[in-house]
C-alpha atoms as a PDB file:
ATOM      1  CA  MET A   1      96.349 100.021  95.509  1.00  0.00           C
ATOM      2  CA  PRO A   2      97.314 103.414  94.051  1.00  0.00           C
ATOM      3  CA  GLU A   3      95.081 106.460  94.324  1.00  0.00           C
ATOM      4  CA  TRP A   4      92.188 106.917  91.842  1.00  0.00           C
ATOM      5  CA  ASP A   5      94.505 108.837  89.482  1.00  0.00           C
ATOM      6  CA  GLY A   6      97.273 106.213  89.566  1.00  0.00           C
ATOM      7  CA  ARG A   7      99.460 108.150  91.994  1.00  0.00           C
ATOM      8  CA  LEU A   8     101.299 105.979  94.497  1.00  0.00           C
ATOM      9  CA  THR A   9     100.090 106.219  98.074  1.00  0.00           C
ATOM     10  CA  PRO A  10     102.636 107.148 100.764  1.00  0.00           C
ATOM     11  CA  ALA A  11     102.779 103.484 101.882  1.00  0.00           C
ATOM     12  CA  GLU A  12     103.396 102.313  98.303  1.00  0.00           C
ATOM     13  CA  SER A  13     106.096 104.936  97.831  1.00  0.00           C
ATOM     14  CA  THR A  14     107.799 103.654 100.981  1.00  0.00           C
ATOM     15  CA  ARG A  15     107.612 100.032  99.729  1.00  0.00           C
ATOM     16  CA  LEU A  16     108.946 101.133  96.349  1.00  0.00           C
ATOM     17  CA  GLN A  17     111.886 102.981  97.891  1.00  0.00           C
ATOM     18  CA  ARG A  18     112.659  99.914 100.022  1.00  0.00           C
ATOM     19  CA  TRP A  19     112.537  97.657  96.932  1.00  0.00           C
ATOM     20  CA  PHE A  20     114.764 100.096  95.046  1.00  0.00           C
ATOM     21  CA  LYS A  21     117.321 100.171  97.879  1.00  0.00           C
ATOM     22  CA  ASP A  22     117.337  96.358  98.227  1.00  0.00           C
ATOM     23  CA  HIS A  23     117.427  95.450  94.522  1.00  0.00           C
ATOM     24  CA  TRP A  24     118.779  98.260  92.346  1.00  0.00           C
ATOM     25  CA  ARG A  25     122.383  98.027  93.515  1.00  0.00           C
ATOM     26  CA  ASN A  26     123.302 101.488  92.176  1.00  0.00           C
ATOM     27  CA  GLN A  27     122.981 100.460  88.511  1.00  0.00           C
ATOM     28  CA  PRO A  28     124.241 102.924  85.910  1.00  0.00           C
ATOM     29  CA  CYS A  29     122.029 104.190  83.122  1.00  0.00           C
ATOM     30  CA  ALA A  30     122.557 102.182  79.922  1.00  0.00           C
ATOM     31  CA  ILE A  31     122.539 105.399  77.867  1.00  0.00           C
ATOM     32  CA  ASP A  32     124.843 107.782  79.720  1.00  0.00           C
ATOM     33  CA  GLY A  33     126.338 105.776  82.601  1.00  0.00           C
ATOM     34  CA  VAL A  34     125.015 108.142  85.283  1.00  0.00           C
ATOM     35  CA  ARG A  35     123.791 106.537  88.518  1.00  0.00           C
ATOM     36  CA  ASN A  36     121.053 109.010  89.417  1.00  0.00           C
ATOM     37  CA  TRP A  37     117.562 107.482  89.197  1.00  0.00           C
ATOM     38  CA  VAL A  38     114.147 108.806  90.187  1.00  0.00           C
ATOM     39  CA  THR A  39     110.791 107.050  90.197  1.00  0.00           C
ATOM     40  CA  ALA A  40     107.600 108.308  88.609  1.00  0.00           C
ATOM     41  CA  ASP A  41     104.848 109.328  91.018  1.00  0.00           C
ATOM     42  CA  HIS A  42     102.263 107.220  89.157  1.00  0.00           C
ATOM     43  CA  VAL A  43     101.812 103.602  88.155  1.00  0.00           C
ATOM     44  CA  VAL A  44     101.886 103.323  84.352  1.00  0.00           C
ATOM     45  CA  GLN A  45     100.312 100.650  82.190  1.00  0.00           C
ATOM     46  CA  THR A  46     100.635  99.141  78.741  1.00  0.00           C
ATOM     47  CA  PRO A  47      97.823  97.445  76.853  1.00  0.00           C
ATOM     48  CA  ILE A  48      97.903  93.872  75.608  1.00  0.00           C
ATOM     49  CA  TYR A  49      98.748  93.659  71.901  1.00  0.00           C
ATOM     50  CA  LYS A  50      95.737  92.465  69.902  1.00  0.00           C
ATOM     51  CA  GLY A  51      97.403  91.354  66.682  1.00  0.00           C
ATOM     52  CA  ASP A  52      97.225  93.783  63.781  1.00  0.00           C
ATOM     53  CA  SER A  53      94.455  95.749  65.454  1.00  0.00           C
ATOM     54  CA  PHE A  54      95.302  98.991  67.165  1.00  0.00           C
ATOM     55  CA  GLU A  55      91.881  99.375  68.683  1.00  0.00           C
ATOM     56  CA  GLN A  56      91.363 101.898  71.433  1.00  0.00           C
ATOM     57  CA  ILE A  57      91.734 100.448  74.912  1.00  0.00           C
ATOM     58  CA  THR A  58      88.348  99.920  76.493  1.00  0.00           C
ATOM     59  CA  GLN A  59      87.376  99.440  80.121  1.00  0.00           C
ATOM     60  CA  GLY A  60      88.065  95.876  81.177  1.00  0.00           C
ATOM     61  CA  ASP A  61      90.915  95.297  78.713  1.00  0.00           C
ATOM     62  CA  LEU A  62      93.970  93.580  80.126  1.00  0.00           C
ATOM     63  CA  THR A  63      97.054  95.670  80.751  1.00  0.00           C
ATOM     64  CA  TYR A  64     100.400  95.273  82.465  1.00  0.00           C
ATOM     65  CA  VAL A  65     101.224  97.734  85.237  1.00  0.00           C
ATOM     66  CA  TYR A  66     104.683  99.151  85.799  1.00  0.00           C
ATOM     67  CA  ILE A  67     106.759 101.481  87.896  1.00  0.00           C
ATOM     68  CA  ALA A  68     108.895 103.830  85.823  1.00  0.00           C
ATOM     69  CA  PHE A  69     112.518 104.345  86.875  1.00  0.00           C
ATOM     70  CA  ILE A  70     113.896 107.419  85.128  1.00  0.00           C
ATOM     71  CA  CYS A  71     117.514 108.498  84.702  1.00  0.00           C
ATOM     72  CA  ALA A  72     117.563 111.995  86.221  1.00  0.00           C
ATOM     73  CA  ASN A  73     120.283 113.020  83.768  1.00  0.00           C
ATOM     74  CA  CYS A  74     119.065 111.899  80.331  1.00  0.00           C
ATOM     75  CA  GLY A  75     115.492 110.682  80.874  1.00  0.00           C
ATOM     76  CA  HIS A  76     116.114 107.076  79.825  1.00  0.00           C
ATOM     77  CA  THR A  77     113.255 105.115  81.395  1.00  0.00           C
ATOM     78  CA  LEU A  78     113.072 101.517  82.607  1.00  0.00           C
ATOM     79  CA  PHE A  79     109.815  99.806  83.540  1.00  0.00           C
ATOM     80  CA  VAL A  80     109.587  97.255  86.364  1.00  0.00           C
ATOM     81  CA  ASN A  81     106.426  95.179  86.728  1.00  0.00           C
ATOM     82  CA  ALA A  82     104.461  96.669  89.651  1.00  0.00           C
ATOM     83  CA  THR A  83     102.854  93.337  90.538  1.00  0.00           C
ATOM     84  CA  ALA A  84     106.174  91.479  90.644  1.00  0.00           C
ATOM     85  CA  ILE A  85     107.613  93.956  93.134  1.00  0.00           C
ATOM     86  CA  GLY A  86     104.499  94.107  95.338  1.00  0.00           C
ATOM     87  CA  ILE A  87     103.089  97.533  94.541  1.00  0.00           C
ATOM     88  CA  ILE A  88      99.947  96.184  92.850  1.00  0.00           C
ATOM     89  CA  GLU A  89      98.319  93.010  94.123  1.00  0.00           C
ATOM     90  CA  LYS A  90      97.951  90.260  91.537  1.00  0.00           C
ATOM     91  CA  GLY A  91      94.453  90.173  90.069  1.00  0.00           C
ATOM     92  CA  THR A  92      93.471  93.743  90.992  1.00  0.00           C
ATOM     93  CA  ASN A  93      92.474  96.385  88.497  1.00  0.00           C
ATOM     94  CA  GLY A  94      94.748  99.381  88.826  1.00  0.00           C
END
């Protein structure tokens, strides 16, 4: 599980780099075609949409957790589900 501030631990960073090497296959950026990607140092999350309500997220609300892959040239960002790739264990609160 990431550090208290969401930063990936060294072990998680190693797993992430291994996943990236095994799965990314040197994909180009969809915006500028450059093949230079970096990963964010933190796990990021998005809240669950609650219909027309844009209520503030409260403790205990469901979220999805992601790893951000960022084009080092233009900043275009792709999110990959952190649970699906083994960075966050299913059912844990990150």
